[in-house]
N, C-alpha and C. Protein backbone atom coordinates (compact mmCIF):
# COMPACT_ATOMS: atom_id res chain seq x y z
N MET A 1 56.57 -54.09 236.81
CA MET A 1 56.48 -54.64 235.49
C MET A 1 55.15 -55.40 235.34
N LYS A 2 54.75 -56.07 236.40
CA LYS A 2 53.51 -56.78 236.36
C LYS A 2 52.35 -55.81 236.18
N ALA A 3 52.45 -54.62 236.73
CA ALA A 3 51.39 -53.61 236.60
C ALA A 3 51.30 -53.13 235.15
N ILE A 4 52.44 -53.02 234.52
CA ILE A 4 52.44 -52.56 233.12
C ILE A 4 51.79 -53.63 232.24
N LEU A 5 52.10 -54.90 232.52
CA LEU A 5 51.50 -55.97 231.74
C LEU A 5 50.00 -56.02 231.98
N ASN A 6 49.60 -55.86 233.23
CA ASN A 6 48.17 -55.83 233.54
C ASN A 6 47.48 -54.67 232.82
N LEU A 7 48.12 -53.51 232.84
CA LEU A 7 47.56 -52.33 232.16
C LEU A 7 47.49 -52.58 230.65
N PHE A 8 48.54 -53.15 230.07
CA PHE A 8 48.55 -53.46 228.65
C PHE A 8 47.45 -54.47 228.32
N PHE A 9 47.31 -55.51 229.14
CA PHE A 9 46.28 -56.51 228.94
C PHE A 9 44.89 -55.89 229.03
N PHE A 10 44.70 -55.02 230.02
CA PHE A 10 43.41 -54.36 230.19
C PHE A 10 43.08 -53.46 229.00
N ILE A 11 44.06 -52.73 228.51
CA ILE A 11 43.85 -51.84 227.35
C ILE A 11 43.54 -52.67 226.11
N SER A 12 44.23 -53.79 225.92
CA SER A 12 43.97 -54.61 224.72
C SER A 12 42.58 -55.23 224.79
N ILE A 13 42.14 -55.65 225.96
CA ILE A 13 40.79 -56.19 226.09
C ILE A 13 39.76 -55.11 225.79
N MET A 14 39.99 -53.90 226.25
CA MET A 14 39.08 -52.79 225.98
C MET A 14 39.04 -52.49 224.47
N LEU A 15 40.18 -52.52 223.82
CA LEU A 15 40.22 -52.27 222.36
C LEU A 15 39.45 -53.36 221.62
N PHE A 16 39.63 -54.62 222.01
CA PHE A 16 38.89 -55.70 221.36
C PHE A 16 37.39 -55.56 221.61
N ALA A 17 37.03 -55.13 222.80
CA ALA A 17 35.61 -54.95 223.13
C ALA A 17 35.00 -53.83 222.28
N VAL A 18 35.75 -52.76 222.11
CA VAL A 18 35.26 -51.65 221.30
C VAL A 18 35.19 -52.06 219.83
N ALA A 19 36.17 -52.84 219.37
CA ALA A 19 36.19 -53.27 217.97
C ALA A 19 35.06 -54.24 217.68
N CYS A 20 34.68 -55.05 218.62
CA CYS A 20 33.61 -56.01 218.42
C CYS A 20 32.23 -55.37 218.54
N GLU A 21 32.17 -54.20 219.09
CA GLU A 21 30.87 -53.53 219.25
C GLU A 21 30.33 -53.13 217.88
N LYS A 22 29.04 -53.28 217.71
CA LYS A 22 28.40 -52.96 216.44
C LYS A 22 28.38 -51.44 216.27
N GLU A 23 28.64 -51.02 215.04
CA GLU A 23 28.64 -49.57 214.78
C GLU A 23 27.21 -49.05 214.80
N GLN A 24 27.07 -47.87 215.30
CA GLN A 24 25.77 -47.22 215.31
C GLN A 24 25.49 -46.71 213.89
N GLU A 25 24.33 -47.08 213.34
CA GLU A 25 23.97 -46.63 212.00
C GLU A 25 23.31 -45.26 212.09
N ASP A 26 23.64 -44.44 211.13
CA ASP A 26 23.03 -43.11 211.06
C ASP A 26 21.60 -43.28 210.55
N PRO A 27 20.61 -42.74 211.26
CA PRO A 27 19.22 -42.92 210.81
C PRO A 27 18.91 -42.16 209.52
N ASN A 28 19.75 -41.21 209.13
CA ASN A 28 19.51 -40.44 207.91
C ASN A 28 20.00 -41.16 206.66
N ILE A 29 20.85 -42.17 206.82
CA ILE A 29 21.40 -42.92 205.69
C ILE A 29 20.53 -44.14 205.45
N LEU A 30 20.12 -44.30 204.19
CA LEU A 30 19.28 -45.45 203.82
C LEU A 30 20.14 -46.69 203.63
N PRO A 31 19.57 -47.87 203.84
CA PRO A 31 20.32 -49.11 203.58
C PRO A 31 20.66 -49.22 202.09
N PRO A 32 21.69 -50.01 201.75
CA PRO A 32 22.12 -50.11 200.34
C PRO A 32 21.02 -50.60 199.41
N HIS A 33 20.21 -51.57 199.80
CA HIS A 33 19.18 -52.08 198.90
C HIS A 33 18.10 -51.01 198.66
N THR A 34 17.85 -50.16 199.65
CA THR A 34 16.88 -49.07 199.48
C THR A 34 17.45 -48.02 198.53
N MET A 35 18.74 -47.76 198.61
CA MET A 35 19.38 -46.80 197.70
C MET A 35 19.29 -47.30 196.26
N ASP A 36 19.42 -48.62 196.06
CA ASP A 36 19.28 -49.17 194.70
C ASP A 36 17.88 -48.96 194.17
N VAL A 37 16.88 -49.16 195.02
CA VAL A 37 15.49 -48.95 194.60
C VAL A 37 15.25 -47.49 194.27
N VAL A 38 15.77 -46.58 195.10
CA VAL A 38 15.61 -45.14 194.86
C VAL A 38 16.30 -44.74 193.56
N GLU A 39 17.50 -45.24 193.34
CA GLU A 39 18.23 -44.89 192.11
C GLU A 39 17.49 -45.42 190.88
N LYS A 40 16.92 -46.63 190.99
CA LYS A 40 16.17 -47.21 189.89
C LYS A 40 14.93 -46.36 189.57
N ARG A 41 14.23 -45.92 190.59
CA ARG A 41 13.04 -45.10 190.39
C ARG A 41 13.39 -43.73 189.80
N ILE A 42 14.53 -43.18 190.23
CA ILE A 42 14.97 -41.89 189.67
C ILE A 42 15.28 -42.05 188.18
N ASN A 43 15.96 -43.15 187.82
CA ASN A 43 16.28 -43.39 186.41
C ASN A 43 15.01 -43.59 185.58
N GLU A 44 14.04 -44.33 186.15
CA GLU A 44 12.77 -44.52 185.43
C GLU A 44 12.03 -43.21 185.23
N LEU A 45 12.03 -42.36 186.26
CA LEU A 45 11.37 -41.06 186.16
C LEU A 45 12.06 -40.17 185.12
N ALA A 46 13.39 -40.18 185.11
CA ALA A 46 14.13 -39.38 184.13
C ALA A 46 13.84 -39.88 182.72
N LEU A 47 13.79 -41.20 182.53
CA LEU A 47 13.48 -41.77 181.22
C LEU A 47 12.07 -41.41 180.78
N LYS A 48 11.13 -41.47 181.72
CA LYS A 48 9.74 -41.12 181.41
C LYS A 48 9.63 -39.65 181.01
N LYS A 49 10.29 -38.76 181.76
CA LYS A 49 10.25 -37.32 181.44
C LYS A 49 10.89 -37.06 180.08
N ARG A 50 12.00 -37.73 179.79
CA ARG A 50 12.68 -37.56 178.51
C ARG A 50 11.78 -38.01 177.36
N GLN A 51 11.06 -39.14 177.56
CA GLN A 51 10.15 -39.65 176.53
C GLN A 51 8.97 -38.70 176.33
N GLU A 52 8.42 -38.16 177.42
CA GLU A 52 7.32 -37.20 177.31
C GLU A 52 7.77 -35.95 176.56
N CYS A 53 8.97 -35.50 176.84
CA CYS A 53 9.51 -34.31 176.14
C CYS A 53 9.69 -34.61 174.66
N LEU A 54 10.19 -35.80 174.34
CA LEU A 54 10.38 -36.18 172.94
C LEU A 54 9.03 -36.29 172.22
N ASP A 55 8.03 -36.88 172.89
CA ASP A 55 6.70 -36.99 172.28
C ASP A 55 6.10 -35.61 172.03
N LYS A 56 6.25 -34.71 173.00
CA LYS A 56 5.72 -33.35 172.84
C LYS A 56 6.41 -32.64 171.67
N ALA A 57 7.73 -32.79 171.57
CA ALA A 57 8.47 -32.16 170.48
C ALA A 57 8.05 -32.74 169.13
N MET A 58 7.83 -34.05 169.07
CA MET A 58 7.40 -34.68 167.82
C MET A 58 6.00 -34.21 167.41
N LYS A 59 5.09 -34.08 168.38
CA LYS A 59 3.74 -33.60 168.05
C LYS A 59 3.79 -32.17 167.52
N LEU A 60 4.59 -31.33 168.15
CA LEU A 60 4.71 -29.94 167.71
C LEU A 60 5.34 -29.88 166.31
N ALA A 61 6.39 -30.66 166.10
CA ALA A 61 7.04 -30.66 164.78
C ALA A 61 6.11 -31.21 163.71
N THR A 62 5.34 -32.25 164.04
CA THR A 62 4.40 -32.82 163.07
C THR A 62 3.33 -31.80 162.70
N ALA A 63 2.83 -31.08 163.70
CA ALA A 63 1.81 -30.06 163.42
C ALA A 63 2.36 -28.97 162.51
N ARG A 64 3.59 -28.55 162.77
CA ARG A 64 4.19 -27.50 161.94
C ARG A 64 4.44 -27.99 160.52
N VAL A 65 4.94 -29.20 160.39
CA VAL A 65 5.20 -29.74 159.05
C VAL A 65 3.90 -29.93 158.29
N ASP A 66 2.87 -30.46 158.98
CA ASP A 66 1.58 -30.66 158.31
C ASP A 66 1.00 -29.33 157.83
N SER A 67 1.06 -28.30 158.68
CA SER A 67 0.51 -27.02 158.25
C SER A 67 1.32 -26.43 157.10
N THR A 68 2.64 -26.63 157.12
CA THR A 68 3.48 -26.15 156.02
C THR A 68 3.14 -26.89 154.74
N LEU A 69 2.97 -28.21 154.82
CA LEU A 69 2.63 -28.98 153.63
C LEU A 69 1.26 -28.60 153.09
N LEU A 70 0.31 -28.33 153.98
CA LEU A 70 -1.01 -27.91 153.51
C LEU A 70 -0.92 -26.57 152.80
N GLN A 71 -0.13 -25.65 153.34
CA GLN A 71 0.04 -24.36 152.67
C GLN A 71 0.75 -24.55 151.33
N MET A 72 1.76 -25.42 151.29
CA MET A 72 2.48 -25.65 150.05
C MET A 72 1.57 -26.31 149.01
N ASP A 73 0.68 -27.18 149.47
CA ASP A 73 -0.24 -27.84 148.55
C ASP A 73 -1.17 -26.83 147.91
N VAL A 74 -1.56 -25.81 148.67
CA VAL A 74 -2.43 -24.77 148.11
C VAL A 74 -1.64 -23.91 147.14
N LEU A 75 -0.38 -23.61 147.49
CA LEU A 75 0.41 -22.72 146.63
C LEU A 75 0.93 -23.45 145.38
N ILE A 76 1.49 -24.61 145.57
CA ILE A 76 2.08 -25.36 144.45
C ILE A 76 1.51 -26.77 144.50
N PRO A 77 0.55 -27.08 143.64
CA PRO A 77 0.00 -28.44 143.66
C PRO A 77 1.05 -29.44 143.19
N ILE A 78 1.17 -30.53 143.91
CA ILE A 78 2.15 -31.57 143.60
C ILE A 78 1.39 -32.87 143.39
N ASP A 79 1.71 -33.58 142.30
CA ASP A 79 1.02 -34.84 142.05
C ASP A 79 1.69 -35.96 142.86
N VAL A 80 1.23 -37.18 142.67
CA VAL A 80 1.72 -38.29 143.46
C VAL A 80 3.16 -38.65 143.16
N GLU A 81 3.64 -38.32 142.01
CA GLU A 81 5.03 -38.63 141.66
C GLU A 81 5.99 -37.62 142.25
N GLY A 82 5.48 -36.50 142.74
CA GLY A 82 6.34 -35.51 143.35
C GLY A 82 6.80 -34.43 142.39
N THR A 83 6.35 -34.46 141.14
CA THR A 83 6.73 -33.41 140.21
C THR A 83 5.70 -32.28 140.28
N ILE A 84 6.13 -31.11 139.96
CA ILE A 84 5.24 -29.96 140.01
C ILE A 84 4.31 -30.00 138.79
N VAL A 85 3.05 -29.83 139.02
CA VAL A 85 2.07 -29.83 137.95
C VAL A 85 2.01 -28.41 137.39
N ARG A 86 2.35 -28.29 136.13
CA ARG A 86 2.32 -26.96 135.52
C ARG A 86 0.92 -26.67 135.02
N PRO A 87 0.47 -25.46 135.23
CA PRO A 87 -0.88 -25.14 134.75
C PRO A 87 -0.89 -25.07 133.22
N GLN A 88 -2.03 -25.39 132.64
CA GLN A 88 -2.16 -25.33 131.19
C GLN A 88 -2.25 -23.87 130.76
N ARG A 89 -1.83 -23.65 129.52
CA ARG A 89 -1.90 -22.28 129.00
C ARG A 89 -3.36 -21.90 128.82
N PRO A 90 -3.66 -20.66 129.07
CA PRO A 90 -5.05 -20.25 128.85
C PRO A 90 -5.34 -20.19 127.35
N MET A 91 -6.61 -20.32 127.02
CA MET A 91 -7.02 -20.25 125.62
C MET A 91 -6.76 -18.83 125.09
N ALA A 92 -6.46 -18.76 123.80
CA ALA A 92 -6.25 -17.44 123.18
C ALA A 92 -7.58 -16.70 123.19
N PRO A 93 -7.55 -15.44 123.48
CA PRO A 93 -8.82 -14.70 123.52
C PRO A 93 -9.45 -14.64 122.13
N VAL A 94 -10.75 -14.66 122.09
CA VAL A 94 -11.49 -14.59 120.83
C VAL A 94 -11.48 -13.14 120.37
N LYS A 95 -11.00 -12.94 119.14
CA LYS A 95 -10.96 -11.57 118.63
C LYS A 95 -12.33 -11.23 118.06
N ARG A 96 -12.86 -10.17 118.55
CA ARG A 96 -14.17 -9.75 118.05
C ARG A 96 -13.98 -8.90 116.78
N GLN A 97 -14.83 -9.13 115.87
CA GLN A 97 -14.79 -8.35 114.64
C GLN A 97 -15.42 -6.99 114.93
N GLN A 98 -14.69 -5.99 114.53
CA GLN A 98 -15.24 -4.67 114.74
C GLN A 98 -16.33 -4.41 113.70
N SER A 99 -17.41 -3.96 114.18
CA SER A 99 -18.50 -3.66 113.23
C SER A 99 -18.50 -2.14 113.01
N ASP A 100 -18.18 -1.77 111.75
CA ASP A 100 -18.14 -0.35 111.39
C ASP A 100 -19.40 -0.03 110.57
N THR A 101 -20.11 0.95 111.00
CA THR A 101 -21.37 1.30 110.32
C THR A 101 -21.22 2.46 109.34
N THR A 102 -20.04 2.97 109.18
CA THR A 102 -19.87 4.08 108.23
C THR A 102 -19.84 3.53 106.80
N ALA A 103 -20.34 4.33 105.89
CA ALA A 103 -20.38 3.93 104.48
C ALA A 103 -18.99 4.06 103.89
N ILE A 104 -18.68 3.16 103.01
CA ILE A 104 -17.39 3.17 102.36
C ILE A 104 -17.49 4.03 101.10
N ARG A 105 -16.70 5.08 101.04
CA ARG A 105 -16.69 5.96 99.87
C ARG A 105 -15.25 6.27 99.52
N PRO A 106 -14.97 6.52 98.29
CA PRO A 106 -13.62 6.91 97.91
C PRO A 106 -13.34 8.34 98.36
N PHE A 107 -12.09 8.61 98.57
CA PHE A 107 -11.72 9.97 98.98
C PHE A 107 -11.92 10.98 97.84
N ILE A 108 -11.55 10.53 96.69
CA ILE A 108 -11.74 11.43 95.54
C ILE A 108 -12.89 10.89 94.71
N PRO A 109 -14.01 11.56 94.71
CA PRO A 109 -15.15 11.06 93.92
C PRO A 109 -14.91 11.21 92.40
N THR A 110 -15.34 10.26 91.72
CA THR A 110 -15.25 10.28 90.24
C THR A 110 -16.66 10.44 89.69
N GLU A 111 -16.73 10.59 88.36
CA GLU A 111 -18.05 10.76 87.73
C GLU A 111 -18.88 9.50 87.87
N ARG A 112 -18.28 8.48 87.82
CA ARG A 112 -18.99 7.23 87.90
C ARG A 112 -19.63 7.06 89.27
N ASP A 113 -19.00 7.58 90.28
CA ASP A 113 -19.56 7.44 91.63
C ASP A 113 -20.76 8.36 91.81
N SER A 114 -20.81 9.40 91.11
CA SER A 114 -21.91 10.31 91.29
C SER A 114 -23.16 9.81 90.58
N LEU A 115 -23.08 8.94 89.64
CA LEU A 115 -24.23 8.42 88.92
C LEU A 115 -25.02 7.52 89.71
């Protein structure tokens, strides 16, 4: 019985010794504070890329809208109030008088015309 108690005591001391031993850290795993820094930098990079994409899209959209407005300004002039300016009616064409050089004579000549 004393041997069993000695064995039990020896096993419990070994378990306590193993439990008190510091765990071996995996060299591939970063410490928690380093992981926070890495996560922060990843978020900043993602935000920067998203902002660059938004800026690029806005520049492209602005260029397209500007070119469309310039074309519309050429096609349909718009004043500052935003109403369409209607063109004025053209002047009526000047009617030219026909100049006829033929002599005016009656169809049926009378005696008086022959005198």
